[in-house]
Structures are given as structure tokens and as C-alpha cells.
Amino acid sequence: MNIIACKAVAFAEKAHRGQVRKYTSEPYINHPISVARLVKTVFNDGDSIAAALLHDVVEDTHFTIEDIYNGFGSIIACLVKDLTDTSKPSDGNREARKKIDRQHTSEASPRAKTIKLADIIDNMQSIAKHDPDFAKVYMAEKKALLKVLTEGNPILYKKAFDIITEYYDEVKHV
């Protein structure tokens, strides 16, 4: 791991300290690390790996895009900004907010879309396993999101597509 990725791990660990994953109660930092590992299979550059490690910091902690910019520079800050949902509770119900977030993601760079693919791959597996009721809503949202992620890495796109396809195949047979 290069210096920028090491710095990003330390920053993400600090930012997410005390947070746990909803279904497993494991330390939240495990999720960004898993996303970074997936990203590393297709992009072995420090900026992409750092952005993967930091992708939830702005959404889920008190840190801002400015903090990311000041600590990591404009390239990583732009990637994290592309990966950060922009909707607010005042924007309406979940469906309306997800539409806003999908539009934001559609305008992201192919590199950010690749990181988003890694993020949803990691999340889909956990949610489908641990929360079958919410998975119905979540998987439909991710199916819609895939339509704007076609510029992401084809290997990760196929993996995400296959997870969704497998989910719907299993639901049909239940």
C-alpha cells in the first residue's frame, strides 16, 4: 500500500471510530477496506484506493469535502465528492432522494463509478444476507443505479450485475 492509501486508512479509521456495521456489529472501517480491496483488483493507484477508503466519510461522519481536500488534495476530494450522496431528507421520500443521488452519480467520472460499483458489491452481499425485507427495496435501487454505472470498470460492473441477477433468480424461486 502506498503512502496516500496508508494515510487514507488512518483518516478513515479515525473518522469511523465507534461506528459499526448495521447487521454484523463489526467495526465500520471493515466496509471501506473491503471496497478498497475490490477497487485494487482493477485499479492499483493510490488515489483510487484512498477514495475507496474515504468514500463514506463525508456522508457518515462530521468530516467535510474540504477536510478531504485539505488532507488528500483535489483528485481524491473530487472522487469522494462524486461518491457522496447529495440528497437531503428535505428532498422528499426515499424514492425521490435516490433519484437525486442517481443523477449525481450519473455525472461522476468512470473511476468514481468503478469505486461506486465496489461499494454496492460489498453492500449488496451484506444486505441480501442479513435483511431480506429491506433487500427487496435496496436491490431494486441498485438495479436502477447500475444503469448509470456502465462507464465503470467492466469486471466490477459484471460482478454487481451478477449479484443482482442471482438475487432476483433466487427471489423468483422462493
N, C-alpha and C. Protein backbone atom coordinates (compact mmCIF):
# COMPACT_ATOMS: atom_id res chain seq x y z
N MET A 1 0.85 -1.17 0.00
CA MET A 1 0.00 0.00 0.00
C MET A 1 0.90 1.24 0.00
N ASN A 2 0.56 2.22 -0.84
CA ASN A 2 1.40 3.42 -0.89
C ASN A 2 1.08 4.39 0.25
N ILE A 3 1.82 5.45 0.34
CA ILE A 3 1.71 6.39 1.46
C ILE A 3 0.33 7.03 1.52
N ILE A 4 -0.21 7.44 0.37
CA ILE A 4 -1.52 8.11 0.38
C ILE A 4 -2.61 7.15 0.85
N ALA A 5 -2.54 5.89 0.45
CA ALA A 5 -3.53 4.90 0.89
C ALA A 5 -3.39 4.64 2.39
N CYS A 6 -2.16 4.57 2.88
CA CYS A 6 -1.94 4.39 4.33
C CYS A 6 -2.51 5.57 5.11
N LYS A 7 -2.30 6.77 4.60
CA LYS A 7 -2.85 7.97 5.24
C LYS A 7 -4.38 7.93 5.22
N ALA A 8 -4.95 7.45 4.12
CA ALA A 8 -6.41 7.35 4.00
C ALA A 8 -6.99 6.33 4.97
N VAL A 9 -6.29 5.20 5.15
CA VAL A 9 -6.75 4.20 6.13
C VAL A 9 -6.80 4.82 7.51
N ALA A 10 -5.74 5.51 7.89
CA ALA A 10 -5.68 6.13 9.22
C ALA A 10 -6.79 7.17 9.38
N PHE A 11 -7.02 7.98 8.36
CA PHE A 11 -8.05 9.01 8.42
C PHE A 11 -9.44 8.37 8.51
N ALA A 12 -9.69 7.36 7.68
CA ALA A 12 -10.99 6.67 7.69
C ALA A 12 -11.23 5.97 9.03
N GLU A 13 -10.19 5.35 9.58
CA GLU A 13 -10.33 4.70 10.89
C GLU A 13 -10.71 5.72 11.96
N LYS A 14 -10.05 6.87 11.92
CA LYS A 14 -10.37 7.94 12.89
C LYS A 14 -11.80 8.43 12.67
N ALA A 15 -12.17 8.68 11.43
CA ALA A 15 -13.49 9.22 11.12
C ALA A 15 -14.61 8.27 11.53
N HIS A 16 -14.41 6.98 11.29
CA HIS A 16 -15.45 5.99 11.56
C HIS A 16 -15.33 5.32 12.93
N ARG A 17 -14.39 5.80 13.76
CA ARG A 17 -14.19 5.21 15.09
C ARG A 17 -15.51 5.18 15.86
N GLY A 18 -15.82 4.01 16.39
CA GLY A 18 -17.04 3.85 17.18
C GLY A 18 -18.25 3.45 16.34
N GLN A 19 -18.18 3.58 15.03
CA GLN A 19 -19.28 3.17 14.17
C GLN A 19 -19.18 1.67 13.90
N VAL A 20 -20.34 1.04 13.78
CA VAL A 20 -20.37 -0.39 13.48
C VAL A 20 -21.31 -0.63 12.30
N ARG A 21 -21.11 -1.75 11.62
CA ARG A 21 -21.98 -2.15 10.52
C ARG A 21 -23.32 -2.57 11.09
N LYS A 22 -24.37 -2.18 10.42
CA LYS A 22 -25.73 -2.37 10.92
C LYS A 22 -26.06 -3.82 11.23
N TYR A 23 -25.73 -4.74 10.37
CA TYR A 23 -26.20 -6.11 10.54
C TYR A 23 -25.23 -7.02 11.28
N THR A 24 -23.97 -6.64 11.30
CA THR A 24 -22.97 -7.55 11.87
C THR A 24 -22.32 -6.99 13.14
N SER A 25 -22.49 -5.72 13.39
CA SER A 25 -21.85 -5.03 14.53
C SER A 25 -20.33 -5.04 14.45
N GLU A 26 -19.78 -5.39 13.30
CA GLU A 26 -18.33 -5.32 13.14
C GLU A 26 -17.92 -3.86 12.95
N PRO A 27 -16.68 -3.52 13.21
CA PRO A 27 -16.24 -2.12 13.03
C PRO A 27 -16.53 -1.64 11.60
N TYR A 28 -17.07 -0.44 11.50
CA TYR A 28 -17.47 0.10 10.20
C TYR A 28 -16.30 0.15 9.22
N ILE A 29 -15.11 0.40 9.70
CA ILE A 29 -13.94 0.54 8.84
C ILE A 29 -13.74 -0.69 7.95
N ASN A 30 -14.26 -1.83 8.36
CA ASN A 30 -14.12 -3.03 7.54
C ASN A 30 -14.76 -2.85 6.16
N HIS A 31 -15.86 -2.09 6.10
CA HIS A 31 -16.52 -1.86 4.81
C HIS A 31 -15.63 -1.06 3.85
N PRO A 32 -15.14 0.12 4.22
CA PRO A 32 -14.26 0.84 3.28
C PRO A 32 -13.01 0.03 2.90
N ILE A 33 -12.49 -0.75 3.82
CA ILE A 33 -11.33 -1.59 3.50
C ILE A 33 -11.72 -2.64 2.46
N SER A 34 -12.89 -3.25 2.60
CA SER A 34 -13.35 -4.22 1.61
C SER A 34 -13.55 -3.56 0.25
N VAL A 35 -14.12 -2.36 0.25
CA VAL A 35 -14.32 -1.62 -1.01
C VAL A 35 -12.95 -1.32 -1.65
N ALA A 36 -12.00 -0.88 -0.85
CA ALA A 36 -10.66 -0.59 -1.38
C ALA A 36 -10.01 -1.84 -1.96
N ARG A 37 -10.20 -2.98 -1.31
CA ARG A 37 -9.63 -4.23 -1.84
C ARG A 37 -10.23 -4.58 -3.20
N LEU A 38 -11.53 -4.39 -3.33
CA LEU A 38 -12.18 -4.64 -4.63
C LEU A 38 -11.64 -3.67 -5.69
N VAL A 39 -11.53 -2.40 -5.32
CA VAL A 39 -11.01 -1.41 -6.26
C VAL A 39 -9.59 -1.77 -6.68
N LYS A 40 -8.80 -2.24 -5.74
CA LYS A 40 -7.40 -2.58 -6.04
C LYS A 40 -7.29 -3.72 -7.07
N THR A 41 -8.33 -4.54 -7.20
CA THR A 41 -8.28 -5.61 -8.19
C THR A 41 -8.36 -5.07 -9.62
N VAL A 42 -8.84 -3.82 -9.77
CA VAL A 42 -8.96 -3.26 -11.11
C VAL A 42 -8.18 -1.96 -11.31
N PHE A 43 -7.90 -1.24 -10.24
CA PHE A 43 -7.10 0.00 -10.28
C PHE A 43 -6.07 -0.11 -9.18
N ASN A 44 -4.83 -0.14 -9.52
CA ASN A 44 -3.81 -0.22 -8.48
C ASN A 44 -3.11 1.13 -8.33
N ASP A 45 -3.91 2.19 -8.17
CA ASP A 45 -3.31 3.51 -7.94
C ASP A 45 -3.78 4.05 -6.59
N GLY A 46 -2.92 4.78 -5.96
CA GLY A 46 -3.17 5.27 -4.61
C GLY A 46 -4.39 6.16 -4.50
N ASP A 47 -4.64 7.01 -5.50
CA ASP A 47 -5.78 7.92 -5.42
C ASP A 47 -7.11 7.16 -5.39
N SER A 48 -7.24 6.16 -6.26
CA SER A 48 -8.49 5.38 -6.29
C SER A 48 -8.68 4.60 -5.01
N ILE A 49 -7.61 4.01 -4.52
CA ILE A 49 -7.69 3.23 -3.28
C ILE A 49 -8.01 4.15 -2.10
N ALA A 50 -7.38 5.32 -2.06
CA ALA A 50 -7.67 6.28 -0.99
C ALA A 50 -9.12 6.74 -1.05
N ALA A 51 -9.62 7.04 -2.24
CA ALA A 51 -11.02 7.47 -2.37
C ALA A 51 -11.97 6.36 -1.93
N ALA A 52 -11.63 5.12 -2.24
CA ALA A 52 -12.46 3.99 -1.79
C ALA A 52 -12.47 3.92 -0.27
N LEU A 53 -11.34 4.14 0.34
CA LEU A 53 -11.26 4.11 1.81
C LEU A 53 -12.05 5.26 2.45
N LEU A 54 -12.14 6.37 1.74
CA LEU A 54 -12.77 7.57 2.28
C LEU A 54 -14.20 7.78 1.78
N HIS A 55 -14.71 6.86 0.98
CA HIS A 55 -15.97 7.11 0.26
C HIS A 55 -17.17 7.41 1.15
N ASP A 56 -17.22 6.94 2.38
CA ASP A 56 -18.36 7.20 3.27
C ASP A 56 -18.08 8.26 4.33
N VAL A 57 -16.91 8.80 4.35
CA VAL A 57 -16.53 9.74 5.42
C VAL A 57 -17.44 10.96 5.45
N VAL A 58 -17.69 11.57 4.31
CA VAL A 58 -18.48 12.80 4.28
C VAL A 58 -19.95 12.51 4.59
N GLU A 59 -20.47 11.40 4.09
CA GLU A 59 -21.87 11.04 4.36
C GLU A 59 -22.11 10.65 5.80
N ASP A 60 -21.17 9.95 6.41
CA ASP A 60 -21.43 9.27 7.68
C ASP A 60 -20.69 9.83 8.89
N THR A 61 -19.92 10.90 8.72
CA THR A 61 -19.18 11.47 9.84
C THR A 61 -19.27 13.00 9.79
N HIS A 62 -18.62 13.65 10.72
CA HIS A 62 -18.64 15.11 10.74
C HIS A 62 -17.63 15.74 9.78
N PHE A 63 -16.81 14.94 9.13
CA PHE A 63 -15.81 15.47 8.20
C PHE A 63 -16.47 15.93 6.90
N THR A 64 -15.86 16.91 6.26
CA THR A 64 -16.41 17.52 5.05
C THR A 64 -15.52 17.25 3.84
N ILE A 65 -16.04 17.61 2.68
CA ILE A 65 -15.23 17.53 1.45
C ILE A 65 -14.00 18.41 1.60
N GLU A 66 -14.15 19.54 2.25
CA GLU A 66 -13.00 20.44 2.47
C GLU A 66 -11.91 19.74 3.29
N ASP A 67 -12.33 18.96 4.29
CA ASP A 67 -11.35 18.20 5.08
C ASP A 67 -10.61 17.19 4.20
N ILE A 68 -11.34 16.54 3.31
CA ILE A 68 -10.72 15.58 2.40
C ILE A 68 -9.77 16.32 1.46
N TYR A 69 -10.20 17.45 0.93
CA TYR A 69 -9.35 18.25 0.05
C TYR A 69 -8.07 18.69 0.76
N ASN A 70 -8.23 19.19 1.97
CA ASN A 70 -7.06 19.67 2.73
C ASN A 70 -6.10 18.54 3.08
N GLY A 71 -6.63 17.36 3.32
CA GLY A 71 -5.78 16.24 3.71
C GLY A 71 -5.24 15.42 2.56
N PHE A 72 -5.97 15.43 1.42
CA PHE A 72 -5.62 14.49 0.35
C PHE A 72 -5.53 15.11 -1.04
N GLY A 73 -5.89 16.38 -1.18
CA GLY A 73 -5.78 17.04 -2.47
C GLY A 73 -7.05 16.94 -3.32
N SER A 74 -6.98 17.61 -4.46
CA SER A 74 -8.17 17.78 -5.28
C SER A 74 -8.63 16.51 -5.98
N ILE A 75 -7.74 15.65 -6.42
CA ILE A 75 -8.15 14.44 -7.14
C ILE A 75 -8.98 13.54 -6.24
N ILE A 76 -8.48 13.25 -5.06
CA ILE A 76 -9.20 12.38 -4.12
C ILE A 76 -10.47 13.07 -3.64
N ALA A 77 -10.40 14.36 -3.36
CA ALA A 77 -11.59 15.10 -2.94
C ALA A 77 -12.68 15.05 -4.01
N CYS A 78 -12.30 15.19 -5.27
CA CYS A 78 -13.29 15.12 -6.35
C CYS A 78 -13.91 13.73 -6.44
N LEU A 79 -13.09 12.70 -6.29
CA LEU A 79 -13.64 11.34 -6.30
C LEU A 79 -14.61 11.13 -5.15
N VAL A 80 -14.22 11.55 -3.95
CA VAL A 80 -15.10 11.38 -2.78
C VAL A 80 -16.39 12.19 -2.98
N LYS A 81 -16.28 13.38 -3.53
CA LYS A 81 -17.47 14.19 -3.79
C LYS A 81 -18.40 13.46 -4.77
N ASP A 82 -17.83 12.86 -5.81
CA ASP A 82 -18.63 12.08 -6.77
C ASP A 82 -19.31 10.89 -6.09
N LEU A 83 -18.70 10.35 -5.04
CA LEU A 83 -19.21 9.16 -4.36
C LEU A 83 -20.18 9.49 -3.22
N THR A 84 -20.29 10.75 -2.87
CA THR A 84 -21.11 11.17 -1.74
C THR A 84 -22.52 11.53 -2.22
N ASP A 85 -23.51 10.89 -1.62
CA ASP A 85 -24.89 11.22 -1.95
C ASP A 85 -25.16 12.68 -1.65
N THR A 86 -25.94 13.31 -2.51
CA THR A 86 -26.20 14.74 -2.37
C THR A 86 -27.61 15.04 -1.83
N SER A 87 -28.47 14.03 -1.82
CA SER A 87 -29.84 14.29 -1.36
C SER A 87 -29.87 14.52 0.14
N LYS A 88 -30.93 15.24 0.55
CA LYS A 88 -31.16 15.54 1.96
C LYS A 88 -32.56 15.04 2.32
N PRO A 89 -32.83 14.79 3.59
CA PRO A 89 -34.18 14.35 3.98
C PRO A 89 -35.28 15.28 3.47
N SER A 90 -34.99 16.57 3.38
CA SER A 90 -36.00 17.53 2.92
C SER A 90 -36.31 17.40 1.43
N ASP A 91 -35.54 16.59 0.70
CA ASP A 91 -35.77 16.41 -0.73
C ASP A 91 -36.93 15.46 -1.04
N GLY A 92 -37.52 14.88 -0.01
CA GLY A 92 -38.67 14.02 -0.24
C GLY A 92 -38.47 12.63 0.30
N ASN A 93 -39.30 11.72 -0.17
CA ASN A 93 -39.24 10.34 0.31
C ASN A 93 -37.99 9.64 -0.24
N ARG A 94 -37.79 8.41 0.17
CA ARG A 94 -36.60 7.66 -0.22
C ARG A 94 -36.47 7.57 -1.73
N GLU A 95 -37.57 7.30 -2.41
CA GLU A 95 -37.53 7.18 -3.87
C GLU A 95 -37.05 8.48 -4.52
N ALA A 96 -37.54 9.61 -4.07
CA ALA A 96 -37.13 10.90 -4.61
C ALA A 96 -35.65 11.17 -4.32
N ARG A 97 -35.23 10.85 -3.11
CA ARG A 97 -33.82 11.07 -2.75
C ARG A 97 -32.89 10.18 -3.58
N LYS A 98 -33.27 8.93 -3.77
CA LYS A 98 -32.42 8.02 -4.55
C LYS A 98 -32.33 8.46 -6.01
N LYS A 99 -33.40 9.06 -6.53
CA LYS A 99 -33.36 9.59 -7.90
C LYS A 99 -32.35 10.73 -7.99
N ILE A 100 -32.34 11.62 -7.01
CA ILE A 100 -31.37 12.71 -6.96
C ILE A 100 -29.95 12.15 -6.89
N ASP A 101 -29.75 11.17 -6.03
CA ASP A 101 -28.42 10.57 -5.87
C ASP A 101 -27.97 9.85 -7.14
N ARG A 102 -28.90 9.19 -7.82
CA ARG A 102 -28.58 8.51 -9.08
C ARG A 102 -28.14 9.52 -10.14
N GLN A 103 -28.85 10.65 -10.19
CA GLN A 103 -28.49 11.70 -11.15
C GLN A 103 -27.08 12.21 -10.86
N HIS A 104 -26.79 12.42 -9.59
CA HIS A 104 -25.44 12.87 -9.19
C HIS A 104 -24.40 11.84 -9.62
N THR A 105 -24.66 10.57 -9.38
CA THR A 105 -23.72 9.51 -9.73
C THR A 105 -23.57 9.40 -11.24
N SER A 106 -24.63 9.65 -11.99
CA SER A 106 -24.54 9.56 -13.45
C SER A 106 -23.53 10.55 -14.02
N GLU A 107 -23.27 11.62 -13.31
CA GLU A 107 -22.34 12.66 -13.76
C GLU A 107 -20.91 12.43 -13.26
N ALA A 108 -20.70 11.36 -12.52
CA ALA A 108 -19.38 11.06 -11.95
C ALA A 108 -18.43 10.54 -13.03
N SER A 109 -17.16 10.58 -12.69
CA SER A 109 -16.13 10.06 -13.59
C SER A 109 -16.20 8.53 -13.64
N PRO A 110 -15.67 7.93 -14.71
CA PRO A 110 -15.63 6.46 -14.76
C PRO A 110 -14.89 5.85 -13.56
N ARG A 111 -13.86 6.52 -13.08
CA ARG A 111 -13.12 5.99 -11.92
C ARG A 111 -14.01 6.01 -10.68
N ALA A 112 -14.76 7.10 -10.47
CA ALA A 112 -15.67 7.15 -9.32
C ALA A 112 -16.78 6.11 -9.48
N LYS A 113 -17.24 5.89 -10.69
CA LYS A 113 -18.28 4.88 -10.92
C LYS A 113 -17.75 3.48 -10.61
N THR A 114 -16.48 3.26 -10.86
CA THR A 114 -15.86 1.97 -10.52
C THR A 114 -15.83 1.79 -9.01
N ILE A 115 -15.47 2.83 -8.28
CA ILE A 115 -15.46 2.75 -6.82
C ILE A 115 -16.88 2.53 -6.30
N LYS A 116 -17.86 3.19 -6.90
CA LYS A 116 -19.26 3.00 -6.50
C LYS A 116 -19.69 1.56 -6.74
N LEU A 117 -19.24 0.96 -7.84
CA LEU A 117 -19.54 -0.46 -8.10
C LEU A 117 -18.99 -1.33 -6.97
N ALA A 118 -17.75 -1.08 -6.57
CA ALA A 118 -17.16 -1.86 -5.48
C ALA A 118 -17.96 -1.67 -4.19
N ASP A 119 -18.40 -0.46 -3.94
CA ASP A 119 -19.20 -0.16 -2.75
C ASP A 119 -20.51 -0.94 -2.77
N ILE A 120 -21.21 -0.92 -3.88
CA ILE A 120 -22.50 -1.61 -3.89
C ILE A 120 -22.33 -3.12 -3.88
N ILE A 121 -21.26 -3.62 -4.45
CA ILE A 121 -21.00 -5.07 -4.39
C ILE A 121 -20.88 -5.49 -2.93
N ASP A 122 -20.08 -4.76 -2.17
CA ASP A 122 -19.89 -5.11 -0.76
C ASP A 122 -21.20 -4.96 0.02
N ASN A 123 -21.93 -3.89 -0.22
CA ASN A 123 -23.19 -3.67 0.50
C ASN A 123 -24.27 -4.67 0.11
N MET A 124 -24.39 -4.98 -1.18
CA MET A 124 -25.46 -5.89 -1.62
C MET A 124 -25.34 -7.25 -0.96
N GLN A 125 -24.14 -7.74 -0.87
CA GLN A 125 -23.94 -9.06 -0.29
C GLN A 125 -24.39 -9.09 1.17
N SER A 126 -24.09 -8.05 1.92
CA SER A 126 -24.44 -7.99 3.33
C SER A 126 -25.94 -7.82 3.52
N ILE A 127 -26.54 -6.90 2.78
CA ILE A 127 -27.96 -6.62 2.97
C ILE A 127 -28.82 -7.80 2.53
N ALA A 128 -28.48 -8.40 1.40
CA ALA A 128 -29.27 -9.56 0.93
C ALA A 128 -29.23 -10.69 1.95
N LYS A 129 -28.09 -10.85 2.60
CA LYS A 129 -27.94 -11.94 3.58
C LYS A 129 -28.65 -11.64 4.89
N HIS A 130 -28.56 -10.40 5.37
CA HIS A 130 -29.00 -10.08 6.73
C HIS A 130 -30.37 -9.41 6.85
N ASP A 131 -30.89 -8.86 5.75
CA ASP A 131 -32.17 -8.15 5.85
C ASP A 131 -33.01 -8.39 4.59
N PRO A 132 -33.60 -9.58 4.47
CA PRO A 132 -34.35 -9.92 3.26
C PRO A 132 -35.48 -8.95 2.93
N ASP A 133 -36.14 -8.40 3.93
CA ASP A 133 -37.24 -7.46 3.65
C ASP A 133 -36.72 -6.17 3.02
N PHE A 134 -35.70 -5.57 3.63
CA PHE A 134 -35.12 -4.35 3.06
C PHE A 134 -34.40 -4.64 1.75
N ALA A 135 -33.88 -5.83 1.60
CA ALA A 135 -33.17 -6.19 0.37
C ALA A 135 -34.05 -6.00 -0.86
N LYS A 136 -35.34 -6.21 -0.73
CA LYS A 136 -36.25 -6.03 -1.87
C LYS A 136 -36.18 -4.58 -2.38
N VAL A 137 -36.22 -3.64 -1.48
CA VAL A 137 -36.13 -2.22 -1.84
C VAL A 137 -34.71 -1.89 -2.32
N TYR A 138 -33.73 -2.32 -1.54
CA TYR A 138 -32.34 -1.99 -1.82
C TYR A 138 -31.88 -2.53 -3.17
N MET A 139 -32.22 -3.77 -3.46
CA MET A 139 -31.77 -4.37 -4.72
C MET A 139 -32.44 -3.69 -5.92
N ALA A 140 -33.68 -3.28 -5.77
CA ALA A 140 -34.34 -2.54 -6.86
C ALA A 140 -33.63 -1.20 -7.09
N GLU A 141 -33.23 -0.55 -6.00
CA GLU A 141 -32.48 0.71 -6.13
C GLU A 141 -31.14 0.49 -6.82
N LYS A 142 -30.47 -0.59 -6.47
CA LYS A 142 -29.15 -0.86 -7.07
C LYS A 142 -29.29 -1.28 -8.53
N LYS A 143 -30.37 -1.97 -8.85
CA LYS A 143 -30.63 -2.32 -10.25
C LYS A 143 -30.78 -1.04 -11.08
N ALA A 144 -31.50 -0.07 -10.56
CA ALA A 144 -31.64 1.22 -11.23
C ALA A 144 -30.31 1.97 -11.29
N LEU A 145 -29.54 1.89 -10.22
CA LEU A 145 -28.24 2.57 -10.18
C LEU A 145 -27.27 2.00 -11.21
N LEU A 146 -27.32 0.70 -11.42
CA LEU A 146 -26.43 0.07 -12.40
C LEU A 146 -26.55 0.72 -13.77
N LYS A 147 -27.73 1.23 -14.10
CA LYS A 147 -27.95 1.85 -15.42
C LYS A 147 -27.06 3.07 -15.63
N VAL A 148 -26.63 3.72 -14.55
CA VAL A 148 -25.76 4.89 -14.69
C VAL A 148 -24.30 4.56 -14.39
N LEU A 149 -24.01 3.30 -14.12
CA LEU A 149 -22.63 2.89 -13.78
C LEU A 149 -21.95 2.13 -14.92
N THR A 150 -22.50 2.18 -16.11
CA THR A 150 -21.95 1.40 -17.23
C THR A 150 -20.55 1.85 -17.63
N GLU A 151 -20.16 3.06 -17.28
CA GLU A 151 -18.80 3.54 -17.59
C GLU A 151 -17.77 3.07 -16.56
N GLY A 152 -18.24 2.43 -15.50
CA GLY A 152 -17.32 1.89 -14.51
C GLY A 152 -16.58 0.67 -15.07
N ASN A 153 -15.67 0.16 -14.30
CA ASN A 153 -14.89 -1.00 -14.74
C ASN A 153 -15.80 -2.17 -15.12
N PRO A 154 -15.60 -2.77 -16.30
CA PRO A 154 -16.49 -3.84 -16.75
C PRO A 154 -16.46 -5.10 -15.87
N ILE A 155 -15.34 -5.37 -15.24
CA ILE A 155 -15.25 -6.55 -14.37
C ILE A 155 -16.14 -6.36 -13.14
N LEU A 156 -16.03 -5.19 -12.50
CA LEU A 156 -16.85 -4.93 -11.32
C LEU A 156 -18.31 -4.73 -11.72
N TYR A 157 -18.55 -4.14 -12.88
CA TYR A 157 -19.93 -3.99 -13.35
C TYR A 157 -20.58 -5.37 -13.49
N LYS A 158 -19.88 -6.29 -14.12
CA LYS A 158 -20.43 -7.64 -14.31
C LYS A 158 -20.67 -8.31 -12.97
N LYS A 159 -19.75 -8.13 -12.03
CA LYS A 159 -19.93 -8.74 -10.71
C LYS A 159 -21.19 -8.18 -10.02
N ALA A 160 -21.38 -6.87 -10.08
CA ALA A 160 -22.57 -6.26 -9.48
C ALA A 160 -23.83 -6.74 -10.20
N PHE A 161 -23.78 -6.76 -11.51
CA PHE A 161 -24.91 -7.23 -12.30
C PHE A 161 -25.26 -8.68 -11.96
N ASP A 162 -24.24 -9.51 -11.83
CA ASP A 162 -24.46 -10.92 -11.50
C ASP A 162 -25.07 -11.10 -10.10
N ILE A 163 -24.65 -10.29 -9.14
CA ILE A 163 -25.23 -10.36 -7.79
C ILE A 163 -26.71 -10.02 -7.84
N ILE A 164 -27.06 -8.98 -8.57
CA ILE A 164 -28.46 -8.58 -8.68
C ILE A 164 -29.26 -9.65 -9.42
N THR A 165 -28.71 -10.17 -10.50
CA THR A 165 -29.40 -11.21 -11.27
C THR A 165 -29.63 -12.44 -10.41
N GLU A 166 -28.60 -12.85 -9.69
CA GLU A 166 -28.72 -14.01 -8.81
C GLU A 166 -29.77 -13.77 -7.72
N TYR A 167 -29.78 -12.56 -7.17
CA TYR A 167 -30.77 -12.22 -6.15
C TYR A 167 -32.18 -12.39 -6.70
N TYR A 168 -32.44 -11.82 -7.88
CA TYR A 168 -33.78 -11.92 -8.44
C TYR A 168 -34.13 -13.34 -8.88
N ASP A 169 -33.15 -14.11 -9.31
CA ASP A 169 -33.40 -15.51 -9.64
C ASP A 169 -33.81 -16.29 -8.39
N GLU A 170 -33.14 -16.01 -7.27
CA GLU A 170 -33.46 -16.70 -6.01
C GLU A 170 -34.83 -16.28 -5.49
N VAL A 171 -35.16 -14.98 -5.61
CA VAL A 171 -36.45 -14.50 -5.14
C VAL A 171 -37.59 -15.15 -5.94
N LYS A 172 -37.39 -15.34 -7.24
CA LYS A 172 -38.40 -15.99 -8.08
C LYS A 172 -38.71 -17.40 -7.62
N HIS A 173 -37.68 -18.08 -7.11
CA HIS A 173 -37.83 -19.49 -6.74
C HIS A 173 -38.21 -19.70 -5.28
N VAL A 174 -38.47 -18.62 -4.57
CA VAL A 174 -38.84 -18.76 -3.16
C VAL A 174 -40.35 -18.75 -3.02
